[in-house]
Amino acid sequence: MAKAIHSMIRVLDEEKSRSFYKSAFGLDVADRLDFDTFTLIYLRNEETPFELELTINKGRTEPYNLGDGYGHLAVSVDDLDAIHARLKGLDYKVRDIVEFKREETMIARFFFVEDPDGYKIEVLERQGRFV
């Protein structure tokens, strides 16, 4: 069997990205590998061993084109309303909370927030399959 261990995104500004993921989701640097032309930074927290890998290509000055193929990263939280209010208070690009239902059954409550490079992160309330 395969075990998911990390997902990688390319970011322009290391400090902005590290700060965003730390303040938004409590992700800390688990490892940092510096090479001549790029740096890899692995972020995680105590909730899960799954990591987010930030790749910083040295000398890059233009924002990355995310294209129309990238979807989103997803995280789950206990108190969706509290984190939504906190992230809005930090002036991040936060969308409204959505209640996704089938008939009268709640499937998911969530919202999206964007990181400094425009990557979308879906923040889901822990319930059902999103625990």
Protein backbone atom coordinates (compact mmCIF):
# COMPACT_ATOMS: atom_id res chain seq x y z
CA MET A 1 0.00 0.00 0.00
CA ALA A 2 1.04 3.59 -0.58
CA LYS A 3 1.10 6.18 2.19
CA ALA A 4 0.69 9.88 1.31
CA ILE A 5 3.61 11.76 2.88
CA HIS A 6 3.70 15.24 1.34
CA SER A 7 2.47 17.61 -1.32
CA MET A 8 4.76 20.18 -2.97
CA ILE A 9 4.04 23.73 -4.11
CA ARG A 10 6.42 26.29 -5.60
CA VAL A 11 6.46 29.60 -3.74
CA LEU A 12 8.05 32.93 -4.55
CA ASP A 13 8.77 34.38 -1.09
CA GLU A 14 9.94 31.91 1.56
CA GLU A 15 9.25 34.17 4.54
CA LYS A 16 5.73 35.16 3.42
CA SER A 17 4.82 31.53 2.80
CA ARG A 18 6.30 30.23 6.07
CA SER A 19 4.55 33.00 7.98
CA PHE A 20 1.21 32.31 6.29
CA TYR A 21 1.23 28.56 6.94
CA LYS A 22 2.42 29.06 10.53
CA SER A 23 -0.22 31.65 11.41
CA ALA A 24 -3.05 30.06 9.42
CA PHE A 25 -2.56 26.37 10.24
CA GLY A 26 0.18 26.06 12.87
CA LEU A 27 2.61 24.43 10.44
CA ASP A 28 6.23 24.53 11.58
CA VAL A 29 9.42 23.76 9.69
CA ALA A 30 10.16 20.05 10.06
CA ASP A 31 13.16 20.14 7.74
CA ARG A 32 14.95 22.57 5.42
CA LEU A 33 17.22 21.42 2.61
CA ASP A 34 19.22 24.15 0.90
CA PHE A 35 20.80 23.58 -2.54
CA ASP A 36 22.60 25.87 -5.00
CA THR A 37 19.53 26.70 -7.10
CA PHE A 38 16.60 25.83 -4.84
CA THR A 39 15.50 25.26 -1.25
CA LEU A 40 13.03 22.66 0.04
CA ILE A 41 11.13 23.39 3.24
CA TYR A 42 8.91 20.72 4.81
CA LEU A 43 6.09 21.99 7.03
CA ARG A 44 3.90 20.00 9.43
CA ASN A 45 2.19 20.11 12.80
CA GLU A 46 1.35 17.62 15.54
CA GLU A 47 -2.05 16.81 13.98
CA THR A 48 -0.59 14.64 11.21
CA PRO A 49 2.70 13.37 9.80
CA PHE A 50 1.65 14.59 6.32
CA GLU A 51 3.84 17.49 5.19
CA LEU A 52 3.58 20.45 2.87
CA GLU A 53 6.78 20.90 0.89
CA LEU A 54 7.58 24.47 -0.16
CA THR A 55 10.01 24.72 -3.08
CA ILE A 56 11.78 28.04 -3.48
CA ASN A 57 13.65 28.38 -6.79
CA LYS A 58 16.47 30.85 -6.15
CA GLY A 59 16.54 33.87 -8.43
CA ARG A 60 12.88 33.54 -9.40
CA THR A 61 11.17 36.94 -9.40
CA GLU A 62 7.98 36.29 -11.38
CA PRO A 63 4.93 34.76 -9.69
CA TYR A 64 4.13 31.20 -10.76
CA ASN A 65 1.28 30.63 -13.20
CA LEU A 66 -1.00 28.21 -11.38
CA GLY A 67 -2.91 27.48 -14.59
CA ASP A 68 -6.27 25.82 -14.69
CA GLY A 69 -5.17 22.38 -13.53
CA TYR A 70 -4.39 23.07 -9.86
CA GLY A 71 -7.26 22.34 -7.49
CA HIS A 72 -6.60 22.86 -3.80
CA LEU A 73 -5.05 21.54 -0.62
CA ALA A 74 -7.52 20.61 2.13
CA VAL A 75 -7.26 20.71 5.94
CA SER A 76 -9.84 19.92 8.60
CA VAL A 77 -10.47 21.88 11.80
CA ASP A 78 -12.62 21.46 14.89
CA ASP A 79 -14.04 25.01 15.04
CA LEU A 80 -14.63 26.23 11.49
CA ASP A 81 -16.30 29.49 12.54
CA ALA A 82 -13.44 30.47 14.87
CA ILE A 83 -10.68 29.83 12.31
CA HIS A 84 -12.71 31.61 9.63
CA ALA A 85 -12.99 34.70 11.82
CA ARG A 86 -9.31 34.51 12.81
CA LEU A 87 -8.07 34.27 9.22
CA LYS A 88 -10.34 37.13 8.12
CA GLY A 89 -8.89 39.17 10.99
CA LEU A 90 -5.41 38.53 9.60
CA ASP A 91 -6.55 40.07 6.28
CA TYR A 92 -6.03 36.89 4.29
CA LYS A 93 -8.10 36.26 1.16
CA VAL A 94 -10.91 34.30 2.81
CA ARG A 95 -14.18 33.29 1.16
CA ASP A 96 -17.49 32.84 2.95
CA ILE A 97 -18.41 29.61 4.72
CA VAL A 98 -20.39 27.21 2.52
CA GLU A 99 -22.80 24.59 3.79
CA PHE A 100 -22.83 21.75 1.27
CA LYS A 101 -25.95 19.60 1.65
CA ARG A 102 -27.66 16.78 -0.19
CA GLU A 103 -31.37 17.21 0.45
CA GLU A 104 -31.31 18.02 4.19
CA THR A 105 -28.16 16.05 5.03
CA MET A 106 -25.04 18.09 5.74
CA ILE A 107 -22.15 16.76 3.69
CA ALA A 108 -19.61 19.45 4.54
CA ARG A 109 -19.11 22.94 5.95
CA PHE A 110 -16.06 24.69 4.52
CA PHE A 111 -14.43 27.83 3.17
CA PHE A 112 -11.41 28.60 1.01
CA VAL A 113 -8.42 30.80 1.83
CA GLU A 114 -5.55 31.74 -0.50
CA ASP A 115 -1.88 31.68 0.42
CA PRO A 116 0.54 34.44 -0.71
CA ASP A 117 1.12 32.69 -4.07
CA GLY A 118 -2.59 32.23 -4.83
CA TYR A 119 -2.84 28.55 -3.89
CA LYS A 120 -6.29 27.73 -2.56
CA ILE A 121 -6.69 25.86 0.71
CA GLU A 122 -10.04 24.33 1.59
CA VAL A 123 -10.72 24.47 5.32
CA LEU A 124 -13.33 21.85 6.30
CA GLU A 125 -15.15 21.37 9.58
CA ARG A 126 -14.28 17.99 11.10
CA GLN A 127 -17.30 15.79 10.58
CA GLY A 128 -18.31 12.76 8.54
CA ARG A 129 -15.55 11.78 6.12
CA PHE A 130 -13.54 14.91 6.89
CA VAL A 131 -12.35 13.97 10.36
